[in-house]
Amino acid sequence: MRPAINKLFARYGTALSAGDLPSIGSCFDPPSVVIADDATALMVDRAQVKEYFTGMAERYRARGAFTAMPTIHRVEQLTPALWLADVRWDSFDETGAPAPVGVETYRYLMRAADPDEPLIVAAIVTR
């Protein structure tokens, strides 16, 4: 399963960096949720996933971040279909140098109805 999870986050990072809303949406299995200290966003379908991420790439670019690169630190199988992953996101500027935005870390809950296609059902901001 680890290769499939690596593939998911590589695809997700590419989509986030490009602001490719259809590809971002394809990484989720709605209903999905993003949870942070100050807010929770529930996305009941892929249209709401796309809406949540609309403009996000532009906001990061305005802060100097053009590329998001995931590093998966831990993967844990909870059930035959549910997996947790701790992911660190590093951001890079137009030249490939580290961007001035801080490192972000998340804990993702994924469902893998198909072992080769895990999808995100929850993202928890951990830093």
C-alpha atoms as a PDB file:
ATOM      1  CA  MET A   1       0.000   0.000   0.000  1.00  0.00           C
ATOM      2  CA  ARG A   2       2.903   2.378   0.670  1.00  0.00           C
ATOM      3  CA  PRO A   3       3.642   2.823  -3.088  1.00  0.00           C
ATOM      4  CA  ALA A   4      -0.029   3.688  -3.726  1.00  0.00           C
ATOM      5  CA  ILE A   5       0.013   6.243  -0.889  1.00  0.00           C
ATOM      6  CA  ASN A   6       3.264   7.744  -2.226  1.00  0.00           C
ATOM      7  CA  LYS A   7       1.645   7.993  -5.663  1.00  0.00           C
ATOM      8  CA  LEU A   8      -1.484   9.667  -4.205  1.00  0.00           C
ATOM      9  CA  PHE A   9       0.506  12.369  -2.417  1.00  0.00           C
ATOM     10  CA  ALA A  10       2.812  12.972  -5.396  1.00  0.00           C
ATOM     11  CA  ARG A  11      -0.291  13.473  -7.562  1.00  0.00           C
ATOM     12  CA  TYR A  12      -1.919  15.646  -4.902  1.00  0.00           C
ATOM     13  CA  GLY A  13       1.217  17.813  -4.559  1.00  0.00           C
ATOM     14  CA  THR A  14       1.409  18.297  -8.328  1.00  0.00           C
ATOM     15  CA  ALA A  15      -2.278  19.232  -8.461  1.00  0.00           C
ATOM     16  CA  LEU A  16      -1.976  21.639  -5.506  1.00  0.00           C
ATOM     17  CA  SER A  17       1.073  23.315  -7.065  1.00  0.00           C
ATOM     18  CA  ALA A  18      -0.730  23.785 -10.376  1.00  0.00           C
ATOM     19  CA  GLY A  19      -4.069  24.790  -8.863  1.00  0.00           C
ATOM     20  CA  ASP A  20      -5.579  21.931 -10.884  1.00  0.00           C
ATOM     21  CA  LEU A  21      -8.990  21.701  -9.202  1.00  0.00           C
ATOM     22  CA  PRO A  22     -10.266  18.573 -11.021  1.00  0.00           C
ATOM     23  CA  SER A  23      -7.065  16.702 -10.093  1.00  0.00           C
ATOM     24  CA  ILE A  24      -7.212  17.922  -6.490  1.00  0.00           C
ATOM     25  CA  GLY A  25     -10.833  16.734  -6.323  1.00  0.00           C
ATOM     26  CA  SER A  26      -9.830  13.316  -7.656  1.00  0.00           C
ATOM     27  CA  CYS A  27      -7.570  12.812  -4.615  1.00  0.00           C
ATOM     28  CA  PHE A  28     -10.550  12.918  -2.229  1.00  0.00           C
ATOM     29  CA  ASP A  29     -13.350  10.484  -1.389  1.00  0.00           C
ATOM     30  CA  PRO A  30     -16.206  12.742  -0.242  1.00  0.00           C
ATOM     31  CA  PRO A  31     -17.691  13.378   2.142  1.00  0.00           C
ATOM     32  CA  SER A  32     -14.319  14.693   3.300  1.00  0.00           C
ATOM     33  CA  VAL A  33     -13.213  17.041   6.025  1.00  0.00           C
ATOM     34  CA  VAL A  34     -10.287  19.375   6.702  1.00  0.00           C
ATOM     35  CA  ILE A  35      -9.765  20.120  10.384  1.00  0.00           C
ATOM     36  CA  ALA A  36      -7.566  22.862  11.846  1.00  0.00           C
ATOM     37  CA  ASP A  37      -7.370  24.505  15.264  1.00  0.00           C
ATOM     38  CA  ASP A  38      -9.629  27.335  14.198  1.00  0.00           C
ATOM     39  CA  ALA A  39     -11.936  25.817  11.584  1.00  0.00           C
ATOM     40  CA  THR A  40     -13.459  22.684  10.112  1.00  0.00           C
ATOM     41  CA  ALA A  41     -14.457  22.381   6.470  1.00  0.00           C
ATOM     42  CA  LEU A  42     -16.854  19.637   5.433  1.00  0.00           C
ATOM     43  CA  MET A  43     -16.965  18.835   1.740  1.00  0.00           C
ATOM     44  CA  VAL A  44     -19.874  16.569   0.864  1.00  0.00           C
ATOM     45  CA  ASP A  45     -19.014  16.112  -2.818  1.00  0.00           C
ATOM     46  CA  ARG A  46     -16.205  16.767  -5.309  1.00  0.00           C
ATOM     47  CA  ALA A  47     -17.729  20.122  -6.279  1.00  0.00           C
ATOM     48  CA  GLN A  48     -17.290  21.300  -2.679  1.00  0.00           C
ATOM     49  CA  VAL A  49     -13.718  19.924  -2.624  1.00  0.00           C
ATOM     50  CA  LYS A  50     -12.963  22.023  -5.717  1.00  0.00           C
ATOM     51  CA  GLU A  51     -14.665  25.047  -4.142  1.00  0.00           C
ATOM     52  CA  TYR A  52     -12.594  24.670  -0.958  1.00  0.00           C
ATOM     53  CA  PHE A  53      -9.342  24.666  -2.935  1.00  0.00           C
ATOM     54  CA  THR A  54     -10.314  27.434  -5.387  1.00  0.00           C
ATOM     55  CA  GLY A  55      -7.729  30.205  -5.221  1.00  0.00           C
ATOM     56  CA  MET A  56      -5.445  28.350  -2.817  1.00  0.00           C
ATOM     57  CA  ALA A  57      -2.563  28.023  -5.317  1.00  0.00           C
ATOM     58  CA  GLU A  58      -2.769  31.739  -6.025  1.00  0.00           C
ATOM     59  CA  ARG A  59      -2.692  32.577  -2.312  1.00  0.00           C
ATOM     60  CA  TYR A  60       0.441  30.440  -1.854  1.00  0.00           C
ATOM     61  CA  ARG A  61       2.090  31.972  -4.941  1.00  0.00           C
ATOM     62  CA  ALA A  62       1.411  35.434  -3.512  1.00  0.00           C
ATOM     63  CA  ARG A  63       3.434  34.299  -0.478  1.00  0.00           C
ATOM     64  CA  GLY A  64       6.279  32.992  -2.672  1.00  0.00           C
ATOM     65  CA  ALA A  65       5.386  29.284  -2.731  1.00  0.00           C
ATOM     66  CA  PHE A  66       5.072  27.763  -6.197  1.00  0.00           C
ATOM     67  CA  THR A  67       5.671  24.049  -5.578  1.00  0.00           C
ATOM     68  CA  ALA A  68       4.461  21.788  -2.761  1.00  0.00           C
ATOM     69  CA  MET A  69       6.492  18.627  -2.117  1.00  0.00           C
ATOM     70  CA  PRO A  70       5.223  15.931   0.250  1.00  0.00           C
ATOM     71  CA  THR A  71       7.387  13.805   2.528  1.00  0.00           C
ATOM     72  CA  ILE A  72       5.509  10.916   4.097  1.00  0.00           C
ATOM     73  CA  HIS A  73       6.830  10.215   7.573  1.00  0.00           C
ATOM     74  CA  ARG A  74       4.547   7.489   8.855  1.00  0.00           C
ATOM     75  CA  VAL A  75       1.869   5.216   7.450  1.00  0.00           C
ATOM     76  CA  GLU A  76      -0.407   3.108   9.625  1.00  0.00           C
ATOM     77  CA  GLN A  77      -3.095   0.666   8.575  1.00  0.00           C
ATOM     78  CA  LEU A  78      -6.175   0.978  10.810  1.00  0.00           C
ATOM     79  CA  THR A  79      -8.507  -1.489   9.085  1.00  0.00           C
ATOM     80  CA  PRO A  80      -8.357  -3.372   5.789  1.00  0.00           C
ATOM     81  CA  ALA A  81      -9.465  -0.179   3.970  1.00  0.00           C
ATOM     82  CA  LEU A  82      -8.463   2.717   6.290  1.00  0.00           C
ATOM     83  CA  TRP A  83      -4.963   4.168   6.514  1.00  0.00           C
ATOM     84  CA  LEU A  84      -3.339   7.078   8.355  1.00  0.00           C
ATOM     85  CA  ALA A  85      -0.356   9.005   7.026  1.00  0.00           C
ATOM     86  CA  ASP A  86       1.701  11.824   8.525  1.00  0.00           C
ATOM     87  CA  VAL A  87       2.838  14.128   5.728  1.00  0.00           C
ATOM     88  CA  ARG A  88       5.194  17.094   5.799  1.00  0.00           C
ATOM     89  CA  TRP A  89       4.736  19.649   3.010  1.00  0.00           C
ATOM     90  CA  ASP A  90       7.752  21.689   1.984  1.00  0.00           C
ATOM     91  CA  SER A  91       7.211  24.666  -0.309  1.00  0.00           C
ATOM     92  CA  PHE A  92       9.587  25.986  -2.941  1.00  0.00           C
ATOM     93  CA  ASP A  93       9.761  29.233  -4.863  1.00  0.00           C
ATOM     94  CA  GLU A  94      10.007  29.727  -8.630  1.00  0.00           C
ATOM     95  CA  THR A  95      13.725  28.902  -8.617  1.00  0.00           C
ATOM     96  CA  GLY A  96      13.357  25.731  -6.548  1.00  0.00           C
ATOM     97  CA  ALA A  97      14.715  27.329  -3.369  1.00  0.00           C
ATOM     98  CA  PRO A  98      12.776  26.888  -0.113  1.00  0.00           C
ATOM     99  CA  ALA A  99       9.821  29.264  -0.067  1.00  0.00           C
ATOM    100  CA  PRO A 100       9.328  31.793   2.723  1.00  0.00           C
ATOM    101  CA  VAL A 101       6.123  30.081   3.892  1.00  0.00           C
ATOM    102  CA  GLY A 102       6.452  27.734   6.838  1.00  0.00           C
ATOM    103  CA  VAL A 103       6.493  23.968   6.611  1.00  0.00           C
ATOM    104  CA  GLU A 104       3.043  22.462   6.985  1.00  0.00           C
ATOM    105  CA  THR A 105       2.275  19.038   8.402  1.00  0.00           C
ATOM    106  CA  TYR A 106      -0.928  17.066   8.203  1.00  0.00           C
ATOM    107  CA  ARG A 107      -2.319  13.753   9.320  1.00  0.00           C
ATOM    108  CA  TYR A 108      -4.437  12.220   6.567  1.00  0.00           C
ATOM    109  CA  LEU A 109      -7.060   9.518   6.871  1.00  0.00           C
ATOM    110  CA  MET A 110      -7.436   7.626   3.624  1.00  0.00           C
ATOM    111  CA  ARG A 111      -9.877   5.004   2.428  1.00  0.00           C
ATOM    112  CA  ALA A 112      -8.639   2.415  -0.025  1.00  0.00           C
ATOM    113  CA  ALA A 113     -11.656   0.557  -1.414  1.00  0.00           C
ATOM    114  CA  ASP A 114      -9.221  -0.359  -4.195  1.00  0.00           C
ATOM    115  CA  PRO A 115      -5.740  -1.124  -2.750  1.00  0.00           C
ATOM    116  CA  ASP A 116      -4.114   0.716  -5.656  1.00  0.00           C
ATOM    117  CA  GLU A 117      -6.233   3.865  -5.242  1.00  0.00           C
ATOM    118  CA  PRO A 118      -6.335   5.293  -1.698  1.00  0.00           C
ATOM    119  CA  LEU A 119      -8.273   8.547  -1.422  1.00  0.00           C
ATOM    120  CA  ILE A 120      -8.316  11.222   1.287  1.00  0.00           C
ATOM    121  CA  VAL A 121     -11.359  11.348   3.558  1.00  0.00           C
ATOM    122  CA  ALA A 122      -9.903  13.598   6.274  1.00  0.00           C
ATOM    123  CA  ALA A 123      -6.989  16.010   6.586  1.00  0.00           C
ATOM    124  CA  ILE A 124      -5.978  17.291  10.012  1.00  0.00           C
ATOM    125  CA  VAL A 125      -3.591  20.233  10.208  1.00  0.00           C
ATOM    126  CA  THR A 126      -0.960  19.312  12.785  1.00  0.00           C
ATOM    127  CA  ARG A 127       1.402  22.279  12.229  1.00  0.00           C
END
